[in-house]
Amino acid sequence: QFGLQRKQIMFTFSHNHCGPRLGD
């Protein structure tokens, strides 16, 4: 959609244990 490559996106998560499950 936006032409951004893998190196251009960093997806961080806080590791919060009072948040929901995701995927596998």
PDB file of all heavy atoms in Angstrom:
ATOM      1  N   GLN A   1       0.797  -1.226   0.000  1.00  0.00           N
ATOM      2  CA  GLN A   1       0.000   0.000   0.000  1.00  0.00           C
ATOM      3  C   GLN A   1       0.829   1.275   0.000  1.00  0.00           C
ATOM      4  O   GLN A   1       0.447   2.269  -0.618  1.00  0.00           O
ATOM      5  CB  GLN A   1      -0.940   0.015   1.213  1.00  0.00           C
ATOM      6  CG  GLN A   1      -2.036  -1.034   1.152  1.00  0.00           C
ATOM      7  CD  GLN A   1      -3.098  -0.829   2.215  1.00  0.00           C
ATOM      8  OE1 GLN A   1      -3.412   0.307   2.578  1.00  0.00           O
ATOM      9  NE2 GLN A   1      -3.667  -1.914   2.721  1.00  0.00           N
ATOM     10  N   PHE A   2       1.977   1.237   0.704  1.00  0.00           N
ATOM     11  CA  PHE A   2       2.735   2.477   0.890  1.00  0.00           C
ATOM     12  C   PHE A   2       4.171   2.400   0.386  1.00  0.00           C
ATOM     13  O   PHE A   2       4.907   3.385   0.469  1.00  0.00           O
ATOM     14  CB  PHE A   2       2.733   2.874   2.374  1.00  0.00           C
ATOM     15  CG  PHE A   2       1.354   2.940   2.965  1.00  0.00           C
ATOM     16  CD1 PHE A   2       0.942   2.033   3.920  1.00  0.00           C
ATOM     17  CD2 PHE A   2       0.447   3.904   2.547  1.00  0.00           C
ATOM     18  CE1 PHE A   2      -0.333   2.071   4.456  1.00  0.00           C
ATOM     19  CE2 PHE A   2      -0.837   3.969   3.077  1.00  0.00           C
ATOM     20  CZ  PHE A   2      -1.226   3.044   4.039  1.00  0.00           C
ATOM     21  N   GLY A   3       4.586   1.234  -0.117  1.00  0.00           N
ATOM     22  CA  GLY A   3       5.918   1.106  -0.678  1.00  0.00           C
ATOM     23  C   GLY A   3       7.042   1.080   0.335  1.00  0.00           C
ATOM     24  O   GLY A   3       8.209   1.251  -0.027  1.00  0.00           O
ATOM     25  N   LEU A   4       6.731   0.864   1.606  1.00  0.00           N
ATOM     26  CA  LEU A   4       7.773   0.822   2.632  1.00  0.00           C
ATOM     27  C   LEU A   4       8.372  -0.572   2.727  1.00  0.00           C
ATOM     28  O   LEU A   4       7.659  -1.570   2.767  1.00  0.00           O
ATOM     29  CB  LEU A   4       7.205   1.230   3.993  1.00  0.00           C
ATOM     30  CG  LEU A   4       6.681   2.667   4.114  1.00  0.00           C
ATOM     31  CD1 LEU A   4       6.254   2.946   5.542  1.00  0.00           C
ATOM     32  CD2 LEU A   4       7.714   3.689   3.664  1.00  0.00           C
ATOM     33  N   GLN A   5       9.694  -0.631   2.781  1.00  0.00           N
ATOM     34  CA  GLN A   5      10.408  -1.894   2.856  1.00  0.00           C
ATOM     35  C   GLN A   5      10.506  -2.370   4.313  1.00  0.00           C
ATOM     36  O   GLN A   5      10.249  -1.618   5.253  1.00  0.00           O
ATOM     37  CB  GLN A   5      11.807  -1.751   2.249  1.00  0.00           C
ATOM     38  CG  GLN A   5      11.814  -1.252   0.822  1.00  0.00           C
ATOM     39  CD  GLN A   5      11.108  -2.201  -0.129  1.00  0.00           C
ATOM     40  OE1 GLN A   5      11.316  -3.411  -0.069  1.00  0.00           O
ATOM     41  NE2 GLN A   5      10.265  -1.660  -1.005  1.00  0.00           N
ATOM     42  N   ARG A   6      10.933  -3.606   4.456  1.00  0.00           N
ATOM     43  CA  ARG A   6      11.024  -4.228   5.788  1.00  0.00           C
ATOM     44  C   ARG A   6      11.877  -3.413   6.747  1.00  0.00           C
ATOM     45  O   ARG A   6      11.555  -3.286   7.925  1.00  0.00           O
ATOM     46  CB  ARG A   6      11.603  -5.640   5.622  1.00  0.00           C
ATOM     47  CG  ARG A   6      11.642  -6.466   6.883  1.00  0.00           C
ATOM     48  CD  ARG A   6      10.246  -6.879   7.329  1.00  0.00           C
ATOM     49  NE  ARG A   6      10.331  -7.740   8.482  1.00  0.00           N
ATOM     50  CZ  ARG A   6      10.577  -7.343   9.719  1.00  0.00           C
ATOM     51  NH1 ARG A   6      10.752  -6.053   9.959  1.00  0.00           N
ATOM     52  NH2 ARG A   6      10.628  -8.196  10.707  1.00  0.00           N
ATOM     53  N   LYS A   7      12.976  -2.849   6.247  1.00  0.00           N
ATOM     54  CA  LYS A   7      13.889  -2.108   7.118  1.00  0.00           C
ATOM     55  C   LYS A   7      13.285  -0.802   7.616  1.00  0.00           C
ATOM     56  O   LYS A   7      13.798  -0.203   8.575  1.00  0.00           O
ATOM     57  CB  LYS A   7      15.192  -1.809   6.379  1.00  0.00           C
ATOM     58  CG  LYS A   7      15.057  -0.838   5.207  1.00  0.00           C
ATOM     59  CD  LYS A   7      16.397  -0.591   4.525  1.00  0.00           C
ATOM     60  CE  LYS A   7      16.266   0.393   3.370  1.00  0.00           C
ATOM     61  NZ  LYS A   7      17.579   0.633   2.724  1.00  0.00           N
ATOM     62  N   GLN A   8      12.188  -0.372   7.001  1.00  0.00           N
ATOM     63  CA  GLN A   8      11.617   0.929   7.339  1.00  0.00           C
ATOM     64  C   GLN A   8      10.547   0.862   8.427  1.00  0.00           C
ATOM     65  O   GLN A   8      10.047   1.901   8.849  1.00  0.00           O
ATOM     66  CB  GLN A   8      11.013   1.568   6.076  1.00  0.00           C
ATOM     67  CG  GLN A   8      12.034   1.915   5.018  1.00  0.00           C
ATOM     68  CD  GLN A   8      11.384   2.404   3.736  1.00  0.00           C
ATOM     69  OE1 GLN A   8      11.075   1.628   2.835  1.00  0.00           O
ATOM     70  NE2 GLN A   8      11.148   3.704   3.655  1.00  0.00           N
ATOM     71  N   ILE A   9      10.202  -0.336   8.876  1.00  0.00           N
ATOM     72  CA  ILE A   9       9.141  -0.479   9.881  1.00  0.00           C
ATOM     73  C   ILE A   9       9.639  -1.321  11.046  1.00  0.00           C
ATOM     74  O   ILE A   9      10.140  -2.430  10.854  1.00  0.00           O
ATOM     75  CB  ILE A   9       7.893  -1.161   9.299  1.00  0.00           C
ATOM     76  CG1 ILE A   9       7.490  -0.524   7.971  1.00  0.00           C
ATOM     77  CG2 ILE A   9       6.732  -1.083  10.286  1.00  0.00           C
ATOM     78  CD1 ILE A   9       6.419  -1.304   7.252  1.00  0.00           C
ATOM     79  N   MET A  10       9.491  -0.792  12.252  1.00  0.00           N
ATOM     80  CA  MET A  10       9.817  -1.529  13.469  1.00  0.00           C
ATOM     81  C   MET A  10       8.552  -1.617  14.321  1.00  0.00           C
ATOM     82  O   MET A  10       7.985  -0.592  14.688  1.00  0.00           O
ATOM     83  CB  MET A  10      10.942  -0.830  14.245  1.00  0.00           C
ATOM     84  CG  MET A  10      11.610  -1.696  15.306  1.00  0.00           C
ATOM     85  SD  MET A  10      12.822  -0.788  16.334  1.00  0.00           S
ATOM     86  CE  MET A  10      13.889  -0.040  15.110  1.00  0.00           C
ATOM     87  N   PHE A  11       8.125  -2.832  14.610  1.00  0.00           N
ATOM     88  CA  PHE A  11       6.853  -3.065  15.312  1.00  0.00           C
ATOM     89  C   PHE A  11       7.178  -3.534  16.729  1.00  0.00           C
ATOM     90  O   PHE A  11       7.464  -4.697  16.965  1.00  0.00           O
ATOM     91  CB  PHE A  11       6.053  -4.127  14.562  1.00  0.00           C
ATOM     92  CG  PHE A  11       4.592  -4.205  14.937  1.00  0.00           C
ATOM     93  CD1 PHE A  11       3.668  -4.721  14.033  1.00  0.00           C
ATOM     94  CD2 PHE A  11       4.113  -3.779  16.174  1.00  0.00           C
ATOM     95  CE1 PHE A  11       2.319  -4.812  14.350  1.00  0.00           C
ATOM     96  CE2 PHE A  11       2.776  -3.849  16.503  1.00  0.00           C
ATOM     97  CZ  PHE A  11       1.870  -4.376  15.574  1.00  0.00           C
ATOM     98  N   THR A  12       7.111  -2.626  17.699  1.00  0.00           N
ATOM     99  CA  THR A  12       7.469  -2.976  19.074  1.00  0.00           C
ATOM    100  C   THR A  12       6.222  -3.225  19.910  1.00  0.00           C
ATOM    101  O   THR A  12       5.131  -2.735  19.610  1.00  0.00           O
ATOM    102  CB  THR A  12       8.319  -1.883  19.744  1.00  0.00           C
ATOM    103  OG1 THR A  12       7.504  -0.738  20.032  1.00  0.00           O
ATOM    104  CG2 THR A  12       9.482  -1.478  18.852  1.00  0.00           C
ATOM    105  N   PHE A  13       6.402  -3.992  20.985  1.00  0.00           N
ATOM    106  CA  PHE A  13       5.320  -4.285  21.918  1.00  0.00           C
ATOM    107  C   PHE A  13       5.894  -4.239  23.327  1.00  0.00           C
ATOM    108  O   PHE A  13       7.017  -4.650  23.584  1.00  0.00           O
ATOM    109  CB  PHE A  13       4.682  -5.645  21.621  1.00  0.00           C
ATOM    110  CG  PHE A  13       5.650  -6.737  21.262  1.00  0.00           C
ATOM    111  CD1 PHE A  13       6.127  -7.613  22.223  1.00  0.00           C
ATOM    112  CD2 PHE A  13       6.107  -6.884  19.953  1.00  0.00           C
ATOM    113  CE1 PHE A  13       7.027  -8.623  21.897  1.00  0.00           C
ATOM    114  CE2 PHE A  13       7.007  -7.893  19.618  1.00  0.00           C
ATOM    115  CZ  PHE A  13       7.469  -8.761  20.587  1.00  0.00           C
ATOM    116  N   SER A  14       5.108  -3.717  24.257  1.00  0.00           N
ATOM    117  CA  SER A  14       5.626  -3.481  25.607  1.00  0.00           C
ATOM    118  C   SER A  14       5.810  -4.765  26.401  1.00  0.00           C
ATOM    119  O   SER A  14       6.518  -4.796  27.389  1.00  0.00           O
ATOM    120  CB  SER A  14       4.688  -2.546  26.376  1.00  0.00           C
ATOM    121  OG  SER A  14       3.474  -3.207  26.704  1.00  0.00           O
ATOM    122  N   HIS A  15       5.158  -5.853  25.979  1.00  0.00           N
ATOM    123  CA  HIS A  15       5.138  -7.134  26.688  1.00  0.00           C
ATOM    124  C   HIS A  15       4.235  -7.066  27.922  1.00  0.00           C
ATOM    125  O   HIS A  15       4.456  -7.736  28.924  1.00  0.00           O
ATOM    126  CB  HIS A  15       6.554  -7.577  27.062  1.00  0.00           C
ATOM    127  CG  HIS A  15       6.661  -9.013  27.494  1.00  0.00           C
ATOM    128  ND1 HIS A  15       6.118 -10.048  26.776  1.00  0.00           N
ATOM    129  CD2 HIS A  15       7.253  -9.588  28.578  1.00  0.00           C
ATOM    130  CE1 HIS A  15       6.374 -11.191  27.392  1.00  0.00           C
ATOM    131  NE2 HIS A  15       7.051 -10.943  28.485  1.00  0.00           N
ATOM    132  N   ASN A  16       3.207  -6.268  27.808  1.00  0.00           N
ATOM    133  CA  ASN A  16       2.215  -6.090  28.861  1.00  0.00           C
ATOM    134  C   ASN A  16       1.408  -7.368  29.077  1.00  0.00           C
ATOM    135  O   ASN A  16       0.790  -7.894  28.168  1.00  0.00           O
ATOM    136  CB  ASN A  16       1.289  -4.939  28.440  1.00  0.00           C
ATOM    137  CG  ASN A  16       0.029  -4.860  29.242  1.00  0.00           C
ATOM    138  OD1 ASN A  16       0.040  -5.071  30.450  1.00  0.00           O
ATOM    139  ND2 ASN A  16      -1.075  -4.558  28.571  1.00  0.00           N
ATOM    140  N   HIS A  17       1.392  -7.861  30.329  1.00  0.00           N
ATOM    141  CA  HIS A  17       0.690  -9.107  30.638  1.00  0.00           C
ATOM    142  C   HIS A  17      -0.789  -8.910  30.979  1.00  0.00           C
ATOM    143  O   HIS A  17      -1.472  -9.864  31.351  1.00  0.00           O
ATOM    144  CB  HIS A  17       1.387  -9.830  31.790  1.00  0.00           C
ATOM    145  CG  HIS A  17       2.672 -10.498  31.383  1.00  0.00           C
ATOM    146  ND1 HIS A  17       3.558  -9.938  30.498  1.00  0.00           N
ATOM    147  CD2 HIS A  17       3.221 -11.687  31.742  1.00  0.00           C
ATOM    148  CE1 HIS A  17       4.595 -10.753  30.335  1.00  0.00           C
ATOM    149  NE2 HIS A  17       4.410 -11.819  31.077  1.00  0.00           N
ATOM    150  N   CYS A  18      -1.269  -7.683  30.872  1.00  0.00           N
ATOM    151  CA  CYS A  18      -2.699  -7.424  31.027  1.00  0.00           C
ATOM    152  C   CYS A  18      -3.288  -6.963  29.695  1.00  0.00           C
ATOM    153  O   CYS A  18      -4.248  -6.184  29.654  1.00  0.00           O
ATOM    154  CB  CYS A  18      -2.946  -6.379  32.114  1.00  0.00           C
ATOM    155  SG  CYS A  18      -2.704  -7.026  33.782  1.00  0.00           S
ATOM    156  N   GLY A  19      -2.692  -7.449  28.609  1.00  0.00           N
ATOM    157  CA  GLY A  19      -3.196  -7.208  27.271  1.00  0.00           C
ATOM    158  C   GLY A  19      -3.594  -8.528  26.625  1.00  0.00           C
ATOM    159  O   GLY A  19      -3.324  -9.606  27.151  1.00  0.00           O
ATOM    160  N   PRO A  20      -4.225  -8.489  25.450  1.00  0.00           N
ATOM    161  CA  PRO A  20      -4.835  -9.682  24.848  1.00  0.00           C
ATOM    162  C   PRO A  20      -3.838 -10.574  24.106  1.00  0.00           C
ATOM    163  O   PRO A  20      -2.771 -10.141  23.672  1.00  0.00           O
ATOM    164  CB  PRO A  20      -5.830  -9.081  23.863  1.00  0.00           C
ATOM    165  CG  PRO A  20      -5.214  -7.771  23.483  1.00  0.00           C
ATOM    166  CD  PRO A  20      -4.535  -7.263  24.714  1.00  0.00           C
ATOM    167  N   ARG A  21      -4.215 -11.829  23.941  1.00  0.00           N
ATOM    168  CA  ARG A  21      -3.475 -12.779  23.119  1.00  0.00           C
ATOM    169  C   ARG A  21      -3.561 -12.380  21.652  1.00  0.00           C
ATOM    170  O   ARG A  21      -4.539 -11.760  21.218  1.00  0.00           O
ATOM    171  CB  ARG A  21      -4.037 -14.188  23.297  1.00  0.00           C
ATOM    172  CG  ARG A  21      -3.852 -14.796  24.669  1.00  0.00           C
ATOM    173  CD  ARG A  21      -4.486 -16.184  24.719  1.00  0.00           C
ATOM    174  NE  ARG A  21      -3.956 -17.030  23.635  1.00  0.00           N
ATOM    175  CZ  ARG A  21      -4.677 -17.927  22.960  1.00  0.00           C
ATOM    176  NH1 ARG A  21      -5.954 -18.092  23.243  1.00  0.00           N
ATOM    177  NH2 ARG A  21      -4.122 -18.646  22.007  1.00  0.00           N
ATOM    178  N   LEU A  22      -2.545 -12.802  20.890  1.00  0.00           N
ATOM    179  CA  LEU A  22      -2.523 -12.541  19.456  1.00  0.00           C
ATOM    180  C   LEU A  22      -2.030 -13.781  18.711  1.00  0.00           C
ATOM    181  O   LEU A  22      -1.004 -14.373  19.076  1.00  0.00           O
ATOM    182  CB  LEU A  22      -1.589 -11.381  19.123  1.00  0.00           C
ATOM    183  CG  LEU A  22      -2.094  -9.961  19.411  1.00  0.00           C
ATOM    184  CD1 LEU A  22      -0.951  -8.968  19.287  1.00  0.00           C
ATOM    185  CD2 LEU A  22      -3.225  -9.582  18.454  1.00  0.00           C
ATOM    186  N   GLY A  23      -2.736 -14.171  17.668  1.00  0.00           N
ATOM    187  CA  GLY A  23      -2.270 -15.212  16.772  1.00  0.00           C
ATOM    188  C   GLY A  23      -1.798 -16.464  17.485  1.00  0.00           C
ATOM    189  O   GLY A  23      -2.434 -16.959  18.415  1.00  0.00           O
ATOM    190  N   ASP A  24      -0.642 -16.979  17.038  1.00  0.00           N
ATOM    191  CA  ASP A  24      -0.106 -18.209  17.622  1.00  0.00           C
ATOM    192  C   ASP A  24       0.968 -17.942  18.671  1.00  0.00           C
ATOM    193  O   ASP A  24       1.711 -18.851  19.052  1.00  0.00           O
ATOM    194  CB  ASP A  24       0.453 -19.116  16.516  1.00  0.00           C
ATOM    195  CG  ASP A  24       1.589 -18.464  15.738  1.00  0.00           C
ATOM    196  OD1 ASP A  24       1.937 -17.291  16.024  1.00  0.00           O
ATOM    197  OD2 ASP A  24       2.139 -19.128  14.833  1.00  0.00           O
TER     198      ASP A  24
END
